[in-house]
C-alpha atoms as a PDB file:
ATOM      1  CA  MET A   1     -31.128  11.846  -5.606  1.00  0.00           C
ATOM      2  CA  LYS A   2     -32.387   8.780  -7.507  1.00  0.00           C
ATOM      3  CA  GLU A   3     -30.723   9.927 -10.728  1.00  0.00           C
ATOM      4  CA  TYR A   4     -27.466  10.452  -8.838  1.00  0.00           C
ATOM      5  CA  LEU A   5     -27.493   6.913  -7.416  1.00  0.00           C
ATOM      6  CA  VAL A   6     -28.228   5.404 -10.830  1.00  0.00           C
ATOM      7  CA  VAL A   7     -25.354   7.350 -12.412  1.00  0.00           C
ATOM      8  CA  ILE A   8     -22.845   6.422  -9.723  1.00  0.00           C
ATOM      9  CA  THR A   9     -23.930   2.763  -9.687  1.00  0.00           C
ATOM     10  CA  VAL A  10     -23.627   2.390 -13.453  1.00  0.00           C
ATOM     11  CA  MET A  11     -20.302   4.227 -13.408  1.00  0.00           C
ATOM     12  CA  SER A  12     -19.047   2.013 -10.563  1.00  0.00           C
ATOM     13  CA  VAL A  13     -19.890  -1.152 -12.477  1.00  0.00           C
ATOM     14  CA  ALA A  14     -18.218   0.208 -15.613  1.00  0.00           C
ATOM     15  CA  LEU A  15     -15.076   1.181 -13.698  1.00  0.00           C
ATOM     16  CA  ALA A  16     -14.841  -2.280 -12.150  1.00  0.00           C
ATOM     17  CA  MET A  17     -15.020  -4.191 -15.451  1.00  0.00           C
ATOM     18  CA  ASP A  18     -11.262  -4.282 -16.116  1.00  0.00           C
ATOM     19  CA  ALA A  19     -10.670  -5.509 -12.570  1.00  0.00           C
ATOM     20  CA  PHE A  20     -13.502  -7.993 -13.109  1.00  0.00           C
ATOM     21  CA  ALA A  21     -11.651  -9.421 -16.125  1.00  0.00           C
ATOM     22  CA  ILE A  22      -8.535 -10.014 -14.042  1.00  0.00           C
ATOM     23  CA  ALA A  23     -10.646 -11.535 -11.259  1.00  0.00           C
ATOM     24  CA  VAL A  24     -12.177 -13.966 -13.765  1.00  0.00           C
ATOM     25  CA  THR A  25      -8.703 -15.150 -14.755  1.00  0.00           C
ATOM     26  CA  LEU A  26      -7.478 -15.353 -11.157  1.00  0.00           C
ATOM     27  CA  GLY A  27     -10.559 -17.348 -10.251  1.00  0.00           C
ATOM     28  CA  MET A  28     -10.321 -19.780 -13.163  1.00  0.00           C
ATOM     29  CA  ASP A  29      -6.617 -20.507 -12.880  1.00  0.00           C
ATOM     30  CA  GLY A  30      -6.858 -21.131  -9.137  1.00  0.00           C
ATOM     31  CA  THR A  31      -4.653 -18.253  -8.004  1.00  0.00           C
ATOM     32  CA  ALA A  32      -7.308 -16.976  -5.582  1.00  0.00           C
ATOM     33  CA  ASN A  33      -8.871 -20.180  -4.336  1.00  0.00           C
ATOM     34  CA  THR A  34      -9.115 -19.524  -0.599  1.00  0.00           C
ATOM     35  CA  VAL A  35     -11.400 -17.021   1.101  1.00  0.00           C
ATOM     36  CA  SER A  36      -8.431 -15.026   2.445  1.00  0.00           C
ATOM     37  CA  GLU A  37      -6.885 -14.764  -1.046  1.00  0.00           C
ATOM     38  CA  ARG A  38     -10.233 -13.687  -2.499  1.00  0.00           C
ATOM     39  CA  LEU A  39     -10.593 -11.051   0.214  1.00  0.00           C
ATOM     40  CA  LYS A  40      -7.060  -9.773  -0.494  1.00  0.00           C
ATOM     41  CA  VAL A  41      -7.750  -9.418  -4.213  1.00  0.00           C
ATOM     42  CA  SER A  42     -11.207  -7.865  -3.706  1.00  0.00           C
ATOM     43  CA  THR A  43      -9.926  -5.438  -1.083  1.00  0.00           C
ATOM     44  CA  SER A  44      -6.992  -4.435  -3.279  1.00  0.00           C
ATOM     45  CA  PHE A  45      -9.164  -3.716  -6.315  1.00  0.00           C
ATOM     46  CA  GLY A  46     -11.839  -1.927  -4.280  1.00  0.00           C
ATOM     47  CA  PHE A  47      -9.258   0.151  -2.413  1.00  0.00           C
ATOM     48  CA  PHE A  48      -7.459   1.314  -5.549  1.00  0.00           C
ATOM     49  CA  GLN A  49     -10.715   2.041  -7.405  1.00  0.00           C
ATOM     50  CA  GLY A  50     -11.827   4.306  -4.548  1.00  0.00           C
ATOM     51  CA  LEU A  51      -8.375   5.828  -3.978  1.00  0.00           C
ATOM     52  CA  LEU A  52      -7.743   6.805  -7.585  1.00  0.00           C
ATOM     53  CA  PHE A  53     -11.294   8.132  -7.946  1.00  0.00           C
ATOM     54  CA  LEU A  54     -10.684  10.272  -4.852  1.00  0.00           C
ATOM     55  CA  LEU A  55      -7.294  11.411  -6.200  1.00  0.00           C
ATOM     56  CA  GLY A  56      -9.045  12.507  -9.392  1.00  0.00           C
ATOM     57  CA  ILE A  57     -11.487  14.592  -7.370  1.00  0.00           C
ATOM     58  CA  ILE A  58      -8.673  16.070  -5.254  1.00  0.00           C
ATOM     59  CA  SER A  59      -6.569  16.923  -8.302  1.00  0.00           C
ATOM     60  CA  LEU A  60      -9.555  18.730  -9.760  1.00  0.00           C
ATOM     61  CA  SER A  61     -10.025  20.759  -6.584  1.00  0.00           C
ATOM     62  CA  LEU A  62      -6.377  21.865  -6.730  1.00  0.00           C
ATOM     63  CA  VAL A  63      -6.869  23.465 -10.149  1.00  0.00           C
ATOM     64  CA  SER A  64     -10.556  24.318  -9.904  1.00  0.00           C
ATOM     65  CA  GLY A  65     -10.317  28.116 -10.201  1.00  0.00           C
ATOM     66  CA  ASP A  66     -11.030  28.700 -13.884  1.00  0.00           C
ATOM     67  CA  VAL A  67     -11.870  25.088 -14.599  1.00  0.00           C
ATOM     68  CA  THR A  68     -15.377  25.263 -13.138  1.00  0.00           C
ATOM     69  CA  THR A  69     -16.339  27.867 -15.735  1.00  0.00           C
ATOM     70  CA  TYR A  70     -15.758  25.324 -18.502  1.00  0.00           C
ATOM     71  CA  ASN A  71     -16.576  22.145 -16.556  1.00  0.00           C
ATOM     72  CA  HIS A  72     -19.088  20.675 -19.011  1.00  0.00           C
ATOM     73  CA  LEU A  73     -16.741  21.264 -21.940  1.00  0.00           C
ATOM     74  CA  ILE A  74     -13.829  19.628 -20.101  1.00  0.00           C
ATOM     75  CA  ALA A  75     -15.953  16.693 -18.947  1.00  0.00           C
ATOM     76  CA  GLY A  76     -17.314  16.169 -22.455  1.00  0.00           C
ATOM     77  CA  THR A  77     -13.829  16.323 -23.984  1.00  0.00           C
ATOM     78  CA  ILE A  78     -12.479  13.765 -21.512  1.00  0.00           C
ATOM     79  CA  LEU A  79     -15.412  11.437 -22.177  1.00  0.00           C
ATOM     80  CA  ILE A  80     -15.038  11.810 -25.953  1.00  0.00           C
ATOM     81  CA  ILE A  81     -11.307  11.020 -25.744  1.00  0.00           C
ATOM     82  CA  LEU A  82     -11.987   7.945 -23.603  1.00  0.00           C
ATOM     83  CA  GLY A  83     -14.783   6.818 -25.929  1.00  0.00           C
ATOM     84  CA  VAL A  84     -12.663   7.202 -29.073  1.00  0.00           C
ATOM     85  CA  ARG A  85      -9.816   5.318 -27.398  1.00  0.00           C
ATOM     86  CA  MET A  86     -12.153   2.480 -26.418  1.00  0.00           C
ATOM     87  CA  LEU A  87     -13.576   2.282 -29.953  1.00  0.00           C
ATOM     88  CA  LYS A  88     -10.065   2.231 -31.428  1.00  0.00           C
ATOM     89  CA  GLU A  89      -9.054  -0.635 -29.118  1.00  0.00           C
ATOM     90  CA  ALA A  90     -12.245  -2.542 -29.959  1.00  0.00           C
ATOM     91  CA  PHE A  91     -11.463  -2.555 -33.688  1.00  0.00           C
ATOM     92  CA  GLU A  92      -7.777  -3.463 -33.402  1.00  0.00           C
ATOM     93  CA  GLN A  93      -6.882  -6.967 -34.515  1.00  0.00           C
ATOM     94  CA  PRO A  94      -5.929  -9.214 -31.590  1.00  0.00           C
ATOM     95  CA  SER A  95      -2.687 -11.105 -31.940  1.00  0.00           C
ATOM     96  CA  GLU A  96      -2.795 -14.889 -32.195  1.00  0.00           C
ATOM     97  CA  VAL A  97      -1.377 -16.718 -29.190  1.00  0.00           C
ATOM     98  CA  GLU A  98      -0.511 -20.387 -29.254  1.00  0.00           C
ATOM     99  CA  ILE A  99      -0.916 -22.397 -26.079  1.00  0.00           C
ATOM    100  CA  ASP A 100       1.615 -25.117 -25.398  1.00  0.00           C
ATOM    101  CA  ASP A 101       0.021 -27.896 -23.356  1.00  0.00           C
ATOM    102  CA  LYS A 102       3.478 -29.158 -22.358  1.00  0.00           C
ATOM    103  CA  ILE A 103       4.189 -26.146 -20.150  1.00  0.00           C
ATOM    104  CA  PRO A 104       3.582 -27.120 -16.517  1.00  0.00           C
ATOM    105  CA  TYR A 105       1.072 -25.092 -14.559  1.00  0.00           C
ATOM    106  CA  LYS A 106       2.612 -22.920 -11.867  1.00  0.00           C
ATOM    107  CA  LYS A 107       0.413 -21.107  -9.384  1.00  0.00           C
ATOM    108  CA  ARG A 108       1.108 -17.398  -8.900  1.00  0.00           C
ATOM    109  CA  LYS A 109       1.562 -16.046  -5.412  1.00  0.00           C
ATOM    110  CA  LEU A 110      -0.588 -13.073  -4.504  1.00  0.00           C
ATOM    111  CA  THR A 111       2.118 -10.753  -3.214  1.00  0.00           C
ATOM    112  CA  PHE A 112       1.477  -7.188  -2.125  1.00  0.00           C
ATOM    113  CA  LYS A 113       3.455  -5.955  -5.136  1.00  0.00           C
ATOM    114  CA  LEU A 114       1.332  -7.986  -7.577  1.00  0.00           C
ATOM    115  CA  LEU A 115      -1.946  -6.885  -5.972  1.00  0.00           C
ATOM    116  CA  ALA A 116      -0.850  -3.238  -5.966  1.00  0.00           C
ATOM    117  CA  MET A 117       0.190  -3.488  -9.620  1.00  0.00           C
ATOM    118  CA  PHE A 118      -3.134  -5.079 -10.607  1.00  0.00           C
ATOM    119  CA  GLY A 119      -5.069  -2.577  -8.481  1.00  0.00           C
ATOM    120  CA  ILE A 120      -3.373   0.519  -9.887  1.00  0.00           C
ATOM    121  CA  ALA A 121      -3.385  -0.725 -13.488  1.00  0.00           C
ATOM    122  CA  THR A 122      -7.116  -1.403 -13.414  1.00  0.00           C
ATOM    123  CA  SER A 123      -7.961   1.835 -11.609  1.00  0.00           C
ATOM    124  CA  ILE A 124      -6.387   4.428 -13.897  1.00  0.00           C
ATOM    125  CA  ASP A 125      -9.795   4.992 -15.482  1.00  0.00           C
ATOM    126  CA  ALA A 126     -11.170   5.761 -12.016  1.00  0.00           C
ATOM    127  CA  LEU A 127      -8.723   8.670 -11.813  1.00  0.00           C
ATOM    128  CA  ALA A 128     -10.114  10.173 -15.016  1.00  0.00           C
ATOM    129  CA  ALA A 129     -13.656   9.424 -13.862  1.00  0.00           C
ATOM    130  CA  GLY A 130     -12.961  11.223 -10.571  1.00  0.00           C
ATOM    131  CA  ILE A 131     -11.860  14.342 -12.415  1.00  0.00           C
ATOM    132  CA  THR A 132     -14.919  14.246 -14.662  1.00  0.00           C
ATOM    133  CA  TYR A 133     -17.313  13.357 -11.853  1.00  0.00           C
ATOM    134  CA  GLY A 134     -16.035  16.175  -9.654  1.00  0.00           C
ATOM    135  CA  LEU A 135     -16.856  18.674 -12.394  1.00  0.00           C
ATOM    136  CA  ILE A 136     -20.507  17.691 -12.645  1.00  0.00           C
ATOM    137  CA  TYR A 137     -21.767  16.162  -9.399  1.00  0.00           C
ATOM    138  CA  GLU A 138     -21.650  16.690  -5.668  1.00  0.00           C
ATOM    139  CA  GLN A 139     -21.812  14.150  -2.819  1.00  0.00           C
ATOM    140  CA  LEU A 140     -18.283  12.973  -3.552  1.00  0.00           C
ATOM    141  CA  LEU A 141     -17.811  10.875  -0.417  1.00  0.00           C
ATOM    142  CA  ILE A 142     -20.887   8.745  -1.166  1.00  0.00           C
ATOM    143  CA  ALA A 143     -19.650   8.270  -4.739  1.00  0.00           C
ATOM    144  CA  THR A 144     -16.202   7.171  -3.546  1.00  0.00           C
ATOM    145  CA  LEU A 145     -17.661   4.723  -1.024  1.00  0.00           C
ATOM    146  CA  LEU A 146     -20.053   3.267  -3.620  1.00  0.00           C
ATOM    147  CA  ILE A 147     -17.262   2.819  -6.171  1.00  0.00           C
ATOM    148  CA  THR A 148     -15.132   1.049  -3.567  1.00  0.00           C
ATOM    149  CA  ALA A 149     -17.974  -1.195  -2.355  1.00  0.00           C
ATOM    150  CA  ILE A 150     -19.269  -2.132  -5.809  1.00  0.00           C
ATOM    151  CA  ALA A 151     -15.758  -2.967  -7.026  1.00  0.00           C
ATOM    152  CA  PHE A 152     -15.191  -5.141  -3.946  1.00  0.00           C
ATOM    153  CA  ILE A 153     -18.493  -7.003  -4.376  1.00  0.00           C
ATOM    154  CA  LEU A 154     -18.097  -7.575  -8.125  1.00  0.00           C
ATOM    155  CA  ILE A 155     -14.511  -8.801  -7.795  1.00  0.00           C
ATOM    156  CA  PHE A 156     -15.276 -11.106  -4.886  1.00  0.00           C
ATOM    157  CA  GLY A 157     -18.266 -12.532  -6.765  1.00  0.00           C
ATOM    158  CA  ALA A 158     -16.183 -13.099  -9.904  1.00  0.00           C
ATOM    159  CA  LEU A 159     -13.468 -14.855  -7.933  1.00  0.00           C
ATOM    160  CA  VAL A 160     -15.947 -17.187  -6.238  1.00  0.00           C
ATOM    161  CA  PHE A 161     -18.049 -17.942  -9.313  1.00  0.00           C
ATOM    162  CA  PHE A 162     -15.219 -18.495 -11.761  1.00  0.00           C
ATOM    163  CA  HIS A 163     -13.165 -20.546  -9.344  1.00  0.00           C
ATOM    164  CA  GLU A 164     -16.045 -22.799  -8.411  1.00  0.00           C
ATOM    165  CA  LEU A 165     -17.749 -23.087 -11.814  1.00  0.00           C
ATOM    166  CA  GLY A 166     -15.713 -21.277 -14.432  1.00  0.00           C
ATOM    167  CA  HIS A 167     -12.833 -23.700 -14.724  1.00  0.00           C
ATOM    168  CA  LEU A 168     -15.249 -26.493 -15.647  1.00  0.00           C
ATOM    169  CA  TYR A 169     -16.394 -24.837 -18.870  1.00  0.00           C
ATOM    170  CA  PHE A 170     -14.727 -21.505 -19.576  1.00  0.00           C
ATOM    171  CA  ALA A 171     -11.038 -21.990 -18.732  1.00  0.00           C
ATOM    172  CA  LYS A 172     -10.110 -24.359 -21.582  1.00  0.00           C
ATOM    173  CA  ARG A 173     -12.113 -22.315 -24.086  1.00  0.00           C
ATOM    174  CA  ALA A 174     -10.409 -19.128 -22.886  1.00  0.00           C
ATOM    175  CA  GLY A 175      -6.965 -20.731 -23.136  1.00  0.00           C
ATOM    176  CA  ILE A 176      -6.262 -20.441 -19.430  1.00  0.00           C
ATOM    177  CA  LEU A 177      -3.890 -23.041 -18.050  1.00  0.00           C
ATOM    178  CA  CYS A 178      -5.406 -24.485 -14.915  1.00  0.00           C
ATOM    179  CA  ARG A 179      -5.366 -27.627 -12.853  1.00  0.00           C
ATOM    180  CA  GLU A 180      -8.020 -30.176 -13.693  1.00  0.00           C
END
């Protein structure tokens, strides 16, 4: 049981990292500066992380007949593909972006559409993880709840920390336009 909790906790943190990056930006630029806005963003990211993970598990159960015979091979292949893709992206040259200080800062509104778009876009990897996880492990409900909770906690923490402290040091260095 201990090994299972370590695996799901590490996987939950890894799955939440892309959402964490967006939360850092939303915190630094002041988009999510009230508690209700932070709760909306955190809930959105946590919900979609858990939902897409669960959809991955469900999609696996729909086609699980012959798949379970080759589950370790399928899981390994999916992980290798994801790993190669991540390595490829890591070595690509980033494009240079110039920041024009004359552009006025305009605060984004956290609409349902924007939160859903952010939530789904950052949770696609949870769908693949759900498929892979369902092949190897059991206790799927606990895994889904942990993924949801850890994503919520990490995102809320990032929003609070980077709004309160991040804009003082990190925002200018990161090229994020924010109010002084």
